[in-house]
Amino acid sequence: MPPAEQSSAADKPQHSGSPEATRVLIVEDHRVVAEGLAALINDQDDMHVIGNVGNVADCVQAATDLNPDVVLLDFRLPDGSGPDAAAAIRTIRPAAKMIFLTREDTDAARFAAVQSGASAFLHKSRAAAEVVAAIRDVARGKMLITPRTIATLLAKRRSIEAQLERLTPREKEVLRLMAEGYPSRSIAAD
């Protein structure tokens, strides 16, 4: 079932929050999740939601218009990815901190988040209190993706790249065709 339609502009926050409160932009294409996150965040005294959008294009526009302190991003969005959005936001709001809150649980997703400048990568199965704590920590400048995790991801990436270098040109072509969705019979016939 497709996610519910979201507004093309940032939704109004539940409350204005204090001037020192952390300003959070939610980028989540599943409306019930986005609304739940907004209620959770707006229930805190030290943070408030300034916008709630469901795709990359609206996210970039909202970040431009609303100047968030923290952007809470899903990894997969209808018109791109969270890392695409984070990279675009970094160019217009370099001080904004990025937190990925996602169902993705792969090294490739974590690596993409790190490359896009994320400060945290949380699975959606985390408790509400952990999400709130992560927003607070990241807003204060804390990096929740540890150097050890980054080093491990880089080592795995180098290992994969080394393995790919050992492939023959035909093996690389077969992999490319498989990734593009060609059926095995078609690949074998080439």
C-alpha atoms as a PDB file:
ATOM      1  CA  MET A   1       0.000   0.000   0.000  1.00  0.00           C
ATOM      2  CA  PRO A   2       1.515   3.388  -0.952  1.00  0.00           C
ATOM      3  CA  PRO A   3       2.172   5.934   1.767  1.00  0.00           C
ATOM      4  CA  ALA A   4      -0.378   8.635   2.365  1.00  0.00           C
ATOM      5  CA  GLU A   5       0.136  11.841   0.440  1.00  0.00           C
ATOM      6  CA  GLN A   6       2.097  14.485   2.293  1.00  0.00           C
ATOM      7  CA  SER A   7       2.073  18.203   1.876  1.00  0.00           C
ATOM      8  CA  SER A   8       4.414  19.729  -0.626  1.00  0.00           C
ATOM      9  CA  ALA A   9       5.482  22.344   1.895  1.00  0.00           C
ATOM     10  CA  ALA A  10       6.541  21.970   5.484  1.00  0.00           C
ATOM     11  CA  ASP A  11       3.636  21.224   7.810  1.00  0.00           C
ATOM     12  CA  LYS A  12       3.016  23.581  10.697  1.00  0.00           C
ATOM     13  CA  PRO A  13       4.657  22.516  13.982  1.00  0.00           C
ATOM     14  CA  GLN A  14       2.469  21.522  16.944  1.00  0.00           C
ATOM     15  CA  HIS A  15       3.943  24.306  19.080  1.00  0.00           C
ATOM     16  CA  SER A  16       6.481  27.022  18.506  1.00  0.00           C
ATOM     17  CA  GLY A  17       9.015  25.896  21.122  1.00  0.00           C
ATOM     18  CA  SER A  18      11.410  28.214  22.871  1.00  0.00           C
ATOM     19  CA  PRO A  19      13.882  30.232  20.786  1.00  0.00           C
ATOM     20  CA  GLU A  20      16.733  27.988  22.041  1.00  0.00           C
ATOM     21  CA  ALA A  21      14.853  24.775  21.233  1.00  0.00           C
ATOM     22  CA  THR A  22      16.365  22.447  18.653  1.00  0.00           C
ATOM     23  CA  ARG A  23      14.606  22.936  15.331  1.00  0.00           C
ATOM     24  CA  VAL A  24      13.851  19.547  13.726  1.00  0.00           C
ATOM     25  CA  LEU A  25      12.851  18.854  10.129  1.00  0.00           C
ATOM     26  CA  ILE A  26      11.278  15.415   9.582  1.00  0.00           C
ATOM     27  CA  VAL A  27      11.722  13.770   6.177  1.00  0.00           C
ATOM     28  CA  GLU A  28       9.517  10.671   6.168  1.00  0.00           C
ATOM     29  CA  ASP A  29       7.158   9.509   3.426  1.00  0.00           C
ATOM     30  CA  HIS A  30       4.924   7.372   5.658  1.00  0.00           C
ATOM     31  CA  ARG A  31       2.460   9.803   7.167  1.00  0.00           C
ATOM     32  CA  VAL A  32       1.640   7.871  10.336  1.00  0.00           C
ATOM     33  CA  VAL A  33       5.349   7.533  11.163  1.00  0.00           C
ATOM     34  CA  ALA A  34       5.956  11.218  10.447  1.00  0.00           C
ATOM     35  CA  GLU A  35       3.026  12.287  12.614  1.00  0.00           C
ATOM     36  CA  GLY A  36       4.134   9.998  15.439  1.00  0.00           C
ATOM     37  CA  LEU A  37       7.656  11.417  15.321  1.00  0.00           C
ATOM     38  CA  ALA A  38       6.298  14.965  15.290  1.00  0.00           C
ATOM     39  CA  ALA A  39       4.130  14.271  18.350  1.00  0.00           C
ATOM     40  CA  LEU A  40       7.079  12.679  20.161  1.00  0.00           C
ATOM     41  CA  ILE A  41       9.446  15.563  19.358  1.00  0.00           C
ATOM     42  CA  ASN A  42       6.922  18.324  20.037  1.00  0.00           C
ATOM     43  CA  ASP A  43       6.258  16.779  23.451  1.00  0.00           C
ATOM     44  CA  GLN A  44       9.836  17.698  24.463  1.00  0.00           C
ATOM     45  CA  ASP A  45      10.605  21.080  26.036  1.00  0.00           C
ATOM     46  CA  ASP A  46      13.953  21.475  24.263  1.00  0.00           C
ATOM     47  CA  MET A  47      13.002  20.656  20.653  1.00  0.00           C
ATOM     48  CA  HIS A  48      10.214  21.186  18.162  1.00  0.00           C
ATOM     49  CA  VAL A  49       9.291  20.183  14.631  1.00  0.00           C
ATOM     50  CA  ILE A  50       9.549  23.032  12.147  1.00  0.00           C
ATOM     51  CA  GLY A  51       8.531  20.981   9.120  1.00  0.00           C
ATOM     52  CA  ASN A  52       7.400  17.573   7.998  1.00  0.00           C
ATOM     53  CA  VAL A  53       7.908  16.525   4.362  1.00  0.00           C
ATOM     54  CA  GLY A  54       7.879  13.260   2.461  1.00  0.00           C
ATOM     55  CA  ASN A  55      10.365  13.543  -0.396  1.00  0.00           C
ATOM     56  CA  VAL A  56      13.785  14.867  -1.396  1.00  0.00           C
ATOM     57  CA  ALA A  57      12.568  17.894  -3.359  1.00  0.00           C
ATOM     58  CA  ASP A  58      10.354  19.183  -0.546  1.00  0.00           C
ATOM     59  CA  CYS A  59      13.081  18.402   1.979  1.00  0.00           C
ATOM     60  CA  VAL A  60      15.596  20.595   0.201  1.00  0.00           C
ATOM     61  CA  GLN A  61      13.066  23.425  -0.106  1.00  0.00           C
ATOM     62  CA  ALA A  62      12.065  23.112   3.569  1.00  0.00           C
ATOM     63  CA  ALA A  63      15.713  23.113   4.679  1.00  0.00           C
ATOM     64  CA  THR A  64      16.286  26.249   2.615  1.00  0.00           C
ATOM     65  CA  ASP A  65      13.230  28.027   4.011  1.00  0.00           C
ATOM     66  CA  LEU A  66      13.219  26.793   7.622  1.00  0.00           C
ATOM     67  CA  ASN A  67      16.906  26.456   8.585  1.00  0.00           C
ATOM     68  CA  PRO A  68      16.708  23.281  10.725  1.00  0.00           C
ATOM     69  CA  ASP A  69      19.254  22.382  13.380  1.00  0.00           C
ATOM     70  CA  VAL A  70      18.610  18.653  12.918  1.00  0.00           C
ATOM     71  CA  VAL A  71      17.124  16.788   9.962  1.00  0.00           C
ATOM     72  CA  LEU A  72      15.592  13.392  10.751  1.00  0.00           C
ATOM     73  CA  LEU A  73      15.627  11.420   7.480  1.00  0.00           C
ATOM     74  CA  ASP A  74      14.278   8.143   6.216  1.00  0.00           C
ATOM     75  CA  PHE A  75      16.676   6.298   3.917  1.00  0.00           C
ATOM     76  CA  ARG A  76      14.261   5.542   1.069  1.00  0.00           C
ATOM     77  CA  LEU A  77      12.093   8.317  -0.306  1.00  0.00           C
ATOM     78  CA  PRO A  78       9.749   8.383  -3.327  1.00  0.00           C
ATOM     79  CA  ASP A  79      11.990  10.630  -5.434  1.00  0.00           C
ATOM     80  CA  GLY A  80      15.453   9.600  -4.225  1.00  0.00           C
ATOM     81  CA  SER A  81      17.241   8.624  -1.072  1.00  0.00           C
ATOM     82  CA  GLY A  82      17.957  10.097   2.321  1.00  0.00           C
ATOM     83  CA  PRO A  83      21.643  10.377   1.417  1.00  0.00           C
ATOM     84  CA  ASP A  84      20.649  12.362  -1.715  1.00  0.00           C
ATOM     85  CA  ALA A  85      18.634  14.709   0.481  1.00  0.00           C
ATOM     86  CA  ALA A  86      21.392  14.995   3.098  1.00  0.00           C
ATOM     87  CA  ALA A  87      23.997  15.840   0.449  1.00  0.00           C
ATOM     88  CA  ALA A  88      21.727  18.513  -1.037  1.00  0.00           C
ATOM     89  CA  ILE A  89      20.986  20.000   2.379  1.00  0.00           C
ATOM     90  CA  ARG A  90      24.700  20.091   3.222  1.00  0.00           C
ATOM     91  CA  THR A  91      25.278  22.449   0.303  1.00  0.00           C
ATOM     92  CA  ILE A  92      22.656  24.959   1.496  1.00  0.00           C
ATOM     93  CA  ARG A  93      22.704  24.390   5.281  1.00  0.00           C
ATOM     94  CA  PRO A  94      26.159  23.036   6.188  1.00  0.00           C
ATOM     95  CA  ALA A  95      25.513  23.451   9.930  1.00  0.00           C
ATOM     96  CA  ALA A  96      22.421  21.210   9.882  1.00  0.00           C
ATOM     97  CA  LYS A  97      22.974  17.822  11.519  1.00  0.00           C
ATOM     98  CA  MET A  98      21.646  14.669   9.842  1.00  0.00           C
ATOM     99  CA  ILE A  99      20.106  11.657  11.581  1.00  0.00           C
ATOM    100  CA  PHE A 100      18.933   8.664   9.586  1.00  0.00           C
ATOM    101  CA  LEU A 101      15.967   6.833  11.102  1.00  0.00           C
ATOM    102  CA  THR A 102      15.247   3.904   8.843  1.00  0.00           C
ATOM    103  CA  ARG A 103      14.375   0.244   8.404  1.00  0.00           C
ATOM    104  CA  GLU A 104      17.497  -0.207   6.281  1.00  0.00           C
ATOM    105  CA  ASP A 105      20.000  -2.384   8.088  1.00  0.00           C
ATOM    106  CA  THR A 106      22.849  -2.867   5.643  1.00  0.00           C
ATOM    107  CA  ASP A 107      26.460  -1.804   5.539  1.00  0.00           C
ATOM    108  CA  ALA A 108      25.764  -0.154   2.188  1.00  0.00           C
ATOM    109  CA  ALA A 109      23.067   2.025   3.781  1.00  0.00           C
ATOM    110  CA  ARG A 110      25.313   2.918   6.715  1.00  0.00           C
ATOM    111  CA  PHE A 111      28.169   3.742   4.347  1.00  0.00           C
ATOM    112  CA  ALA A 112      25.898   5.985   2.242  1.00  0.00           C
ATOM    113  CA  ALA A 113      24.757   7.760   5.409  1.00  0.00           C
ATOM    114  CA  VAL A 114      28.350   8.310   6.522  1.00  0.00           C
ATOM    115  CA  GLN A 115      29.304   9.596   3.071  1.00  0.00           C
ATOM    116  CA  SER A 116      26.420  12.074   3.187  1.00  0.00           C
ATOM    117  CA  GLY A 117      27.652  13.470   6.501  1.00  0.00           C
ATOM    118  CA  ALA A 118      25.218  11.840   8.919  1.00  0.00           C
ATOM    119  CA  SER A 119      25.864  12.119  12.638  1.00  0.00           C
ATOM    120  CA  ALA A 120      23.620   9.162  13.532  1.00  0.00           C
ATOM    121  CA  PHE A 121      22.098   6.095  11.922  1.00  0.00           C
ATOM    122  CA  LEU A 122      19.200   4.576  13.873  1.00  0.00           C
ATOM    123  CA  HIS A 123      16.958   1.641  13.082  1.00  0.00           C
ATOM    124  CA  LYS A 124      13.222   2.333  13.321  1.00  0.00           C
ATOM    125  CA  SER A 125      12.933  -0.405  15.927  1.00  0.00           C
ATOM    126  CA  ARG A 126      14.649   1.874  18.471  1.00  0.00           C
ATOM    127  CA  ALA A 127      12.676   3.097  21.464  1.00  0.00           C
ATOM    128  CA  ALA A 128      11.211   6.599  21.372  1.00  0.00           C
ATOM    129  CA  ALA A 129      13.496   7.687  24.225  1.00  0.00           C
ATOM    130  CA  GLU A 130      16.554   6.649  22.188  1.00  0.00           C
ATOM    131  CA  VAL A 131      15.416   8.717  19.208  1.00  0.00           C
ATOM    132  CA  VAL A 132      14.864  11.777  21.402  1.00  0.00           C
ATOM    133  CA  ALA A 133      18.260  11.269  23.088  1.00  0.00           C
ATOM    134  CA  ALA A 134      19.925  10.975  19.669  1.00  0.00           C
ATOM    135  CA  ILE A 135      18.367  14.262  18.533  1.00  0.00           C
ATOM    136  CA  ARG A 136      19.641  15.969  21.688  1.00  0.00           C
ATOM    137  CA  ASP A 137      23.139  14.502  21.365  1.00  0.00           C
ATOM    138  CA  VAL A 138      23.464  15.311  17.664  1.00  0.00           C
ATOM    139  CA  ALA A 139      22.138  18.840  18.191  1.00  0.00           C
ATOM    140  CA  ARG A 140      24.929  19.343  20.738  1.00  0.00           C
ATOM    141  CA  GLY A 141      27.496  18.249  18.161  1.00  0.00           C
ATOM    142  CA  LYS A 142      27.967  14.636  19.198  1.00  0.00           C
ATOM    143  CA  MET A 143      28.749  12.106  16.483  1.00  0.00           C
ATOM    144  CA  LEU A 144      26.834   8.882  17.190  1.00  0.00           C
ATOM    145  CA  ILE A 145      28.413   6.957  14.334  1.00  0.00           C
ATOM    146  CA  THR A 146      31.607   5.844  16.013  1.00  0.00           C
ATOM    147  CA  PRO A 147      35.047   6.043  14.406  1.00  0.00           C
ATOM    148  CA  ARG A 148      35.266   2.267  14.805  1.00  0.00           C
ATOM    149  CA  THR A 149      32.062   1.809  12.807  1.00  0.00           C
ATOM    150  CA  ILE A 150      33.349   4.140  10.093  1.00  0.00           C
ATOM    151  CA  ALA A 151      36.686   2.274   9.957  1.00  0.00           C
ATOM    152  CA  THR A 152      34.868  -1.059   9.695  1.00  0.00           C
ATOM    153  CA  LEU A 153      32.643   0.224   6.880  1.00  0.00           C
ATOM    154  CA  LEU A 154      35.664   1.587   5.002  1.00  0.00           C
ATOM    155  CA  ALA A 155      37.544  -1.697   5.388  1.00  0.00           C
ATOM    156  CA  LYS A 156      34.561  -3.670   4.050  1.00  0.00           C
ATOM    157  CA  ARG A 157      34.222  -1.226   1.162  1.00  0.00           C
ATOM    158  CA  ARG A 158      37.912  -1.613   0.258  1.00  0.00           C
ATOM    159  CA  SER A 159      37.579  -5.396   0.421  1.00  0.00           C
ATOM    160  CA  ILE A 160      34.601  -5.340  -1.960  1.00  0.00           C
ATOM    161  CA  GLU A 161      36.429  -2.992  -4.336  1.00  0.00           C
ATOM    162  CA  ALA A 162      39.473  -5.295  -4.308  1.00  0.00           C
ATOM    163  CA  GLN A 163      37.252  -8.283  -5.113  1.00  0.00           C
ATOM    164  CA  LEU A 164      35.641  -6.385  -7.978  1.00  0.00           C
ATOM    165  CA  GLU A 165      39.061  -5.519  -9.389  1.00  0.00           C
ATOM    166  CA  ARG A 166      39.864  -9.238  -9.697  1.00  0.00           C
ATOM    167  CA  LEU A 167      36.839  -9.911 -11.901  1.00  0.00           C
ATOM    168  CA  THR A 168      37.288 -10.436 -15.606  1.00  0.00           C
ATOM    169  CA  PRO A 169      35.674  -7.942 -18.006  1.00  0.00           C
ATOM    170  CA  ARG A 170      32.923 -10.490 -18.800  1.00  0.00           C
ATOM    171  CA  GLU A 171      32.220 -11.103 -15.104  1.00  0.00           C
ATOM    172  CA  LYS A 172      31.892  -7.349 -14.589  1.00  0.00           C
ATOM    173  CA  GLU A 173      29.552  -7.124 -17.569  1.00  0.00           C
ATOM    174  CA  VAL A 174      27.403  -9.979 -16.204  1.00  0.00           C
ATOM    175  CA  LEU A 175      27.190  -8.277 -12.808  1.00  0.00           C
ATOM    176  CA  ARG A 176      26.197  -4.993 -14.439  1.00  0.00           C
ATOM    177  CA  LEU A 177      23.486  -6.696 -16.521  1.00  0.00           C
ATOM    178  CA  MET A 178      22.169  -8.531 -13.457  1.00  0.00           C
ATOM    179  CA  ALA A 179      22.024  -5.253 -11.534  1.00  0.00           C
ATOM    180  CA  GLU A 180      20.063  -3.723 -14.407  1.00  0.00           C
ATOM    181  CA  GLY A 181      17.521  -6.550 -14.135  1.00  0.00           C
ATOM    182  CA  TYR A 182      18.260  -8.531 -17.279  1.00  0.00           C
ATOM    183  CA  PRO A 183      17.109 -12.176 -17.099  1.00  0.00           C
ATOM    184  CA  SER A 184      19.777 -14.896 -16.972  1.00  0.00           C
ATOM    185  CA  ARG A 185      18.843 -16.264 -20.410  1.00  0.00           C
ATOM    186  CA  SER A 186      19.350 -12.874 -21.982  1.00  0.00           C
ATOM    187  CA  ILE A 187      22.711 -12.425 -20.243  1.00  0.00           C
ATOM    188  CA  ALA A 188      23.856 -15.895 -21.297  1.00  0.00           C
ATOM    189  CA  ALA A 189      22.877 -15.251 -24.915  1.00  0.00           C
ATOM    190  CA  ASP A 190      25.125 -12.179 -25.140  1.00  0.00           C
END
